[in-house]
Amino acid sequence: MADPARARKLARRIAQIVATAIEHEIKDSRLEFITVTDAKVTNDLHDATVYYTVRGARVDEEPDLQTAGMALEKAKGALRTRVGAGTGVRYTPTLTFVADTVPDAARHMEELLERARRLDAEVALAAAGATPAGDADPYREPRVREPEPETDDAADDAADDGDHDEDTGLDRDQGGGAVSRG
């Protein structure tokens, strides 16, 4: 079992070798629109999976995945020979080619996000002129202050035993200190 870091490093090197070989060395017109996107190597370094995408000849043309897959299968032996010569490992990994679905999934996600943005804009437009059906906040109750009962000042003066300082608004406790009255 090899080190996972070594497997990642070998996978990057295999992707680079395969991409260069497809572009410059293998003369097959069916491989012209193939792009190697990633490679993965098992921890025992015996099997490598190479991920690829295919683009059409023109922007509005659909890619031919089946023809590209057949061309890669035909070139698999030559590509494995180049990988063996370029990596220098004892056992040259077998190559498996898999069409990469990440770009299609990303495109689909972008379409879903655009649809969600469009729907959000419609809801925001509809909500711009809307008013609440009832109160603005039906759960909020206004505070009502209860009025303080009015008292007779003469009764307060009679009940005042001198423990209240009118200048500061504080009560004096028995020890002579001031206490706040709430």
C-alpha atoms as a PDB file:
ATOM      1  CA  MET A   1       0.000   0.000   0.000  1.00  0.00           C
ATOM      2  CA  ALA A   2       1.466   3.314  -1.084  1.00  0.00           C
ATOM      3  CA  ASP A   3       1.342   6.628   0.654  1.00  0.00           C
ATOM      4  CA  PRO A   4      -1.837   8.583  -0.284  1.00  0.00           C
ATOM      5  CA  ALA A   5       0.301  11.639  -1.039  1.00  0.00           C
ATOM      6  CA  ARG A   6       2.333   9.559  -3.486  1.00  0.00           C
ATOM      7  CA  ALA A   7      -0.878   8.298  -5.115  1.00  0.00           C
ATOM      8  CA  ARG A   8      -2.145  11.890  -5.572  1.00  0.00           C
ATOM      9  CA  LYS A   9       1.193  12.973  -7.022  1.00  0.00           C
ATOM     10  CA  LEU A  10       1.210  10.030  -9.436  1.00  0.00           C
ATOM     11  CA  ALA A  11      -2.393  10.785 -10.427  1.00  0.00           C
ATOM     12  CA  ARG A  12      -1.476  14.383 -11.320  1.00  0.00           C
ATOM     13  CA  ARG A  13       1.500  13.153 -13.339  1.00  0.00           C
ATOM     14  CA  ILE A  14      -0.658  10.581 -15.185  1.00  0.00           C
ATOM     15  CA  ALA A  15      -3.250  13.250 -16.054  1.00  0.00           C
ATOM     16  CA  GLN A  16      -0.487  15.477 -17.397  1.00  0.00           C
ATOM     17  CA  ILE A  17       1.109  12.705 -19.474  1.00  0.00           C
ATOM     18  CA  VAL A  18      -2.232  11.540 -20.932  1.00  0.00           C
ATOM     19  CA  ALA A  19      -3.295  15.109 -21.801  1.00  0.00           C
ATOM     20  CA  THR A  20       0.022  15.843 -23.511  1.00  0.00           C
ATOM     21  CA  ALA A  21      -0.050  12.552 -25.404  1.00  0.00           C
ATOM     22  CA  ILE A  22      -3.618  13.128 -26.625  1.00  0.00           C
ATOM     23  CA  GLU A  23      -2.793  16.646 -27.749  1.00  0.00           C
ATOM     24  CA  HIS A  24       0.610  16.135 -29.376  1.00  0.00           C
ATOM     25  CA  GLU A  25       1.494  12.484 -29.934  1.00  0.00           C
ATOM     26  CA  ILE A  26      -1.566  10.410 -30.808  1.00  0.00           C
ATOM     27  CA  LYS A  27      -2.869  11.204 -34.260  1.00  0.00           C
ATOM     28  CA  ASP A  28      -6.598  10.527 -34.059  1.00  0.00           C
ATOM     29  CA  SER A  29      -9.030  13.237 -35.086  1.00  0.00           C
ATOM     30  CA  ARG A  30     -11.663  11.859 -32.694  1.00  0.00           C
ATOM     31  CA  LEU A  31      -9.422  12.871 -29.764  1.00  0.00           C
ATOM     32  CA  GLU A  32      -9.209  16.491 -30.925  1.00  0.00           C
ATOM     33  CA  PHE A  33     -11.917  17.875 -28.604  1.00  0.00           C
ATOM     34  CA  ILE A  34     -11.080  15.869 -25.463  1.00  0.00           C
ATOM     35  CA  THR A  35      -9.852  17.581 -22.305  1.00  0.00           C
ATOM     36  CA  VAL A  36      -8.414  15.578 -19.418  1.00  0.00           C
ATOM     37  CA  THR A  37      -9.900  17.033 -16.220  1.00  0.00           C
ATOM     38  CA  ASP A  38      -8.653  14.730 -13.449  1.00  0.00           C
ATOM     39  CA  ALA A  39      -7.080  11.398 -12.628  1.00  0.00           C
ATOM     40  CA  LYS A  40      -7.340   9.140  -9.601  1.00  0.00           C
ATOM     41  CA  VAL A  41      -5.003   6.293  -8.677  1.00  0.00           C
ATOM     42  CA  THR A  42      -5.788   3.487  -6.252  1.00  0.00           C
ATOM     43  CA  ASN A  43      -3.608   3.282  -3.153  1.00  0.00           C
ATOM     44  CA  ASP A  44      -1.811   0.209  -4.496  1.00  0.00           C
ATOM     45  CA  LEU A  45      -0.896   2.242  -7.642  1.00  0.00           C
ATOM     46  CA  HIS A  46      -2.182  -0.510  -9.950  1.00  0.00           C
ATOM     47  CA  ASP A  47      -5.259   1.194 -11.404  1.00  0.00           C
ATOM     48  CA  ALA A  48      -5.736   4.727 -12.663  1.00  0.00           C
ATOM     49  CA  THR A  49      -9.018   6.363 -13.641  1.00  0.00           C
ATOM     50  CA  VAL A  50      -8.707   9.295 -16.033  1.00  0.00           C
ATOM     51  CA  TYR A  51     -11.654  11.712 -16.200  1.00  0.00           C
ATOM     52  CA  TYR A  52     -12.270  13.650 -19.391  1.00  0.00           C
ATOM     53  CA  THR A  53     -14.726  16.046 -20.997  1.00  0.00           C
ATOM     54  CA  VAL A  54     -15.579  16.458 -24.654  1.00  0.00           C
ATOM     55  CA  ARG A  55     -16.625  19.660 -26.352  1.00  0.00           C
ATOM     56  CA  GLY A  56     -18.309  20.034 -29.699  1.00  0.00           C
ATOM     57  CA  ALA A  57     -16.535  21.294 -32.805  1.00  0.00           C
ATOM     58  CA  ARG A  58     -18.590  24.495 -32.500  1.00  0.00           C
ATOM     59  CA  VAL A  59     -20.239  26.163 -29.547  1.00  0.00           C
ATOM     60  CA  ASP A  60     -23.752  25.239 -30.653  1.00  0.00           C
ATOM     61  CA  GLU A  61     -22.822  21.622 -31.439  1.00  0.00           C
ATOM     62  CA  GLU A  62     -23.310  18.784 -28.946  1.00  0.00           C
ATOM     63  CA  PRO A  63     -20.193  16.761 -28.070  1.00  0.00           C
ATOM     64  CA  ASP A  64     -19.934  13.189 -29.311  1.00  0.00           C
ATOM     65  CA  LEU A  65     -19.147  11.297 -26.105  1.00  0.00           C
ATOM     66  CA  GLN A  66     -19.512   7.834 -27.614  1.00  0.00           C
ATOM     67  CA  THR A  67     -17.005   8.426 -30.421  1.00  0.00           C
ATOM     68  CA  ALA A  68     -14.550  10.036 -28.004  1.00  0.00           C
ATOM     69  CA  GLY A  69     -14.876   7.082 -25.619  1.00  0.00           C
ATOM     70  CA  MET A  70     -14.194   4.618 -28.448  1.00  0.00           C
ATOM     71  CA  ALA A  71     -11.139   6.630 -29.539  1.00  0.00           C
ATOM     72  CA  LEU A  72      -9.743   6.607 -25.993  1.00  0.00           C
ATOM     73  CA  GLU A  73     -10.287   2.852 -25.703  1.00  0.00           C
ATOM     74  CA  LYS A  74      -8.426   2.374 -28.994  1.00  0.00           C
ATOM     75  CA  ALA A  75      -5.528   4.567 -27.811  1.00  0.00           C
ATOM     76  CA  LYS A  76      -5.423   3.028 -24.313  1.00  0.00           C
ATOM     77  CA  GLY A  77      -2.379   0.824 -25.008  1.00  0.00           C
ATOM     78  CA  ALA A  78      -0.297   3.648 -26.477  1.00  0.00           C
ATOM     79  CA  LEU A  79      -1.298   5.943 -23.613  1.00  0.00           C
ATOM     80  CA  ARG A  80      -0.383   3.322 -21.016  1.00  0.00           C
ATOM     81  CA  THR A  81       3.033   2.886 -22.662  1.00  0.00           C
ATOM     82  CA  ARG A  82       3.642   6.639 -22.430  1.00  0.00           C
ATOM     83  CA  VAL A  83       2.460   6.685 -18.803  1.00  0.00           C
ATOM     84  CA  GLY A  84       4.883   3.868 -17.956  1.00  0.00           C
ATOM     85  CA  ALA A  85       7.770   5.668 -19.632  1.00  0.00           C
ATOM     86  CA  GLY A  86       6.892   8.999 -18.037  1.00  0.00           C
ATOM     87  CA  THR A  87       6.288   7.917 -14.452  1.00  0.00           C
ATOM     88  CA  GLY A  88       9.083   5.462 -13.814  1.00  0.00           C
ATOM     89  CA  VAL A  89       7.066   3.241 -11.457  1.00  0.00           C
ATOM     90  CA  ARG A  90       7.676  -0.478 -11.261  1.00  0.00           C
ATOM     91  CA  TYR A  91       4.141  -1.402 -12.310  1.00  0.00           C
ATOM     92  CA  THR A  92       2.413   0.767 -14.914  1.00  0.00           C
ATOM     93  CA  PRO A  93      -1.188   1.322 -13.821  1.00  0.00           C
ATOM     94  CA  THR A  94      -4.046   0.141 -16.004  1.00  0.00           C
ATOM     95  CA  LEU A  95      -5.981   3.063 -17.440  1.00  0.00           C
ATOM     96  CA  THR A  96      -9.739   3.470 -17.271  1.00  0.00           C
ATOM     97  CA  PHE A  97     -11.394   6.424 -18.978  1.00  0.00           C
ATOM     98  CA  VAL A  98     -14.559   7.944 -17.521  1.00  0.00           C
ATOM     99  CA  ALA A  99     -16.529  10.872 -18.905  1.00  0.00           C
ATOM    100  CA  ASP A 100     -16.482  13.631 -16.277  1.00  0.00           C
ATOM    101  CA  THR A 101     -19.956  14.675 -15.118  1.00  0.00           C
ATOM    102  CA  VAL A 102     -18.836  17.597 -12.951  1.00  0.00           C
ATOM    103  CA  PRO A 103     -19.217  20.260 -15.695  1.00  0.00           C
ATOM    104  CA  ASP A 104     -22.744  19.024 -16.495  1.00  0.00           C
ATOM    105  CA  ALA A 105     -23.662  18.986 -12.809  1.00  0.00           C
ATOM    106  CA  ALA A 106     -22.242  22.495 -12.398  1.00  0.00           C
ATOM    107  CA  ARG A 107     -24.228  23.709 -15.410  1.00  0.00           C
ATOM    108  CA  HIS A 108     -27.389  22.164 -13.959  1.00  0.00           C
ATOM    109  CA  MET A 109     -26.717  23.830 -10.581  1.00  0.00           C
ATOM    110  CA  GLU A 110     -26.231  27.198 -12.305  1.00  0.00           C
ATOM    111  CA  GLU A 111     -29.571  26.752 -14.086  1.00  0.00           C
ATOM    112  CA  LEU A 112     -31.286  25.941 -10.778  1.00  0.00           C
ATOM    113  CA  LEU A 113     -29.700  28.966  -9.093  1.00  0.00           C
ATOM    114  CA  GLU A 114     -30.784  31.230 -11.947  1.00  0.00           C
ATOM    115  CA  ARG A 115     -34.335  29.880 -11.669  1.00  0.00           C
ATOM    116  CA  ALA A 116     -34.308  30.520  -7.900  1.00  0.00           C
ATOM    117  CA  ARG A 117     -33.048  34.096  -8.456  1.00  0.00           C
ATOM    118  CA  ARG A 118     -35.798  34.705 -11.001  1.00  0.00           C
ATOM    119  CA  LEU A 119     -38.487  33.387  -8.620  1.00  0.00           C
ATOM    120  CA  ASP A 120     -37.066  35.472  -5.757  1.00  0.00           C
ATOM    121  CA  ALA A 121     -37.221  38.570  -7.951  1.00  0.00           C
ATOM    122  CA  GLU A 122     -40.867  37.827  -8.788  1.00  0.00           C
ATOM    123  CA  VAL A 123     -41.729  37.417  -5.099  1.00  0.00           C
ATOM    124  CA  ALA A 124     -39.876  40.632  -4.207  1.00  0.00           C
ATOM    125  CA  LEU A 125     -41.737  42.492  -6.952  1.00  0.00           C
ATOM    126  CA  ALA A 126     -45.084  41.190  -5.700  1.00  0.00           C
ATOM    127  CA  ALA A 127     -44.184  42.045  -2.092  1.00  0.00           C
ATOM    128  CA  ALA A 128     -43.046  45.573  -2.926  1.00  0.00           C
ATOM    129  CA  GLY A 129     -46.571  47.004  -3.101  1.00  0.00           C
ATOM    130  CA  ALA A 130     -48.205  44.624  -0.651  1.00  0.00           C
ATOM    131  CA  THR A 131     -49.602  45.577   2.714  1.00  0.00           C
ATOM    132  CA  PRO A 132     -50.123  43.255   5.664  1.00  0.00           C
ATOM    133  CA  ALA A 133     -53.565  41.653   5.904  1.00  0.00           C
ATOM    134  CA  GLY A 134     -53.997  42.656   9.530  1.00  0.00           C
ATOM    135  CA  ASP A 135     -51.894  44.667  11.893  1.00  0.00           C
ATOM    136  CA  ALA A 136     -48.303  45.255  10.925  1.00  0.00           C
ATOM    137  CA  ASP A 137     -47.202  43.021  13.790  1.00  0.00           C
ATOM    138  CA  PRO A 138     -50.141  41.067  15.231  1.00  0.00           C
ATOM    139  CA  TYR A 139     -48.089  39.657  18.101  1.00  0.00           C
ATOM    140  CA  ARG A 140     -46.908  42.962  19.458  1.00  0.00           C
ATOM    141  CA  GLU A 141     -49.058  44.482  22.133  1.00  0.00           C
ATOM    142  CA  PRO A 142     -48.711  48.175  22.884  1.00  0.00           C
ATOM    143  CA  ARG A 143     -47.553  49.054  26.354  1.00  0.00           C
ATOM    144  CA  VAL A 144     -50.177  50.672  28.486  1.00  0.00           C
ATOM    145  CA  ARG A 145     -48.921  52.512  31.509  1.00  0.00           C
ATOM    146  CA  GLU A 146     -51.186  52.461  34.412  1.00  0.00           C
ATOM    147  CA  PRO A 147     -51.753  55.902  35.922  1.00  0.00           C
ATOM    148  CA  GLU A 148     -50.349  56.391  39.368  1.00  0.00           C
ATOM    149  CA  PRO A 149     -53.021  56.930  41.986  1.00  0.00           C
ATOM    150  CA  GLU A 150     -53.163  60.527  43.091  1.00  0.00           C
ATOM    151  CA  THR A 151     -52.504  61.055  46.754  1.00  0.00           C
ATOM    152  CA  ASP A 152     -53.183  63.890  49.070  1.00  0.00           C
ATOM    153  CA  ASP A 153     -50.041  65.936  49.737  1.00  0.00           C
ATOM    154  CA  ALA A 154     -51.181  66.740  53.256  1.00  0.00           C
ATOM    155  CA  ALA A 155     -51.423  63.024  54.064  1.00  0.00           C
ATOM    156  CA  ASP A 156     -47.939  62.501  52.653  1.00  0.00           C
ATOM    157  CA  ASP A 157     -46.532  65.314  54.751  1.00  0.00           C
ATOM    158  CA  ALA A 158     -48.101  63.874  57.867  1.00  0.00           C
ATOM    159  CA  ALA A 159     -46.776  60.443  57.078  1.00  0.00           C
ATOM    160  CA  ASP A 160     -43.309  61.807  56.335  1.00  0.00           C
ATOM    161  CA  ASP A 161     -41.170  60.998  59.290  1.00  0.00           C
ATOM    162  CA  GLY A 162     -38.136  62.872  58.007  1.00  0.00           C
ATOM    163  CA  ASP A 163     -36.346  59.921  56.421  1.00  0.00           C
ATOM    164  CA  HIS A 164     -36.610  61.436  52.944  1.00  0.00           C
ATOM    165  CA  ASP A 165     -34.332  64.151  51.640  1.00  0.00           C
ATOM    166  CA  GLU A 166     -36.317  66.330  49.217  1.00  0.00           C
ATOM    167  CA  ASP A 167     -33.169  67.884  47.670  1.00  0.00           C
ATOM    168  CA  THR A 168     -31.581  64.617  46.493  1.00  0.00           C
ATOM    169  CA  GLY A 169     -34.677  62.454  46.193  1.00  0.00           C
ATOM    170  CA  LEU A 170     -33.065  59.742  48.339  1.00  0.00           C
ATOM    171  CA  ASP A 171     -34.259  58.085  51.522  1.00  0.00           C
ATOM    172  CA  ARG A 172     -32.020  58.060  54.534  1.00  0.00           C
ATOM    173  CA  ASP A 173     -31.643  54.753  56.282  1.00  0.00           C
ATOM    174  CA  GLN A 174     -31.332  54.497  60.024  1.00  0.00           C
ATOM    175  CA  GLY A 175     -27.513  54.507  59.811  1.00  0.00           C
ATOM    176  CA  GLY A 176     -27.475  57.932  58.194  1.00  0.00           C
ATOM    177  CA  GLY A 177     -26.686  56.795  54.590  1.00  0.00           C
ATOM    178  CA  ALA A 178     -28.827  57.559  51.561  1.00  0.00           C
ATOM    179  CA  VAL A 179     -30.927  54.820  49.888  1.00  0.00           C
ATOM    180  CA  SER A 180     -32.497  55.198  46.480  1.00  0.00           C
ATOM    181  CA  ARG A 181     -36.267  54.902  46.314  1.00  0.00           C
ATOM    182  CA  GLY A 182     -37.613  53.325  43.177  1.00  0.00           C
END
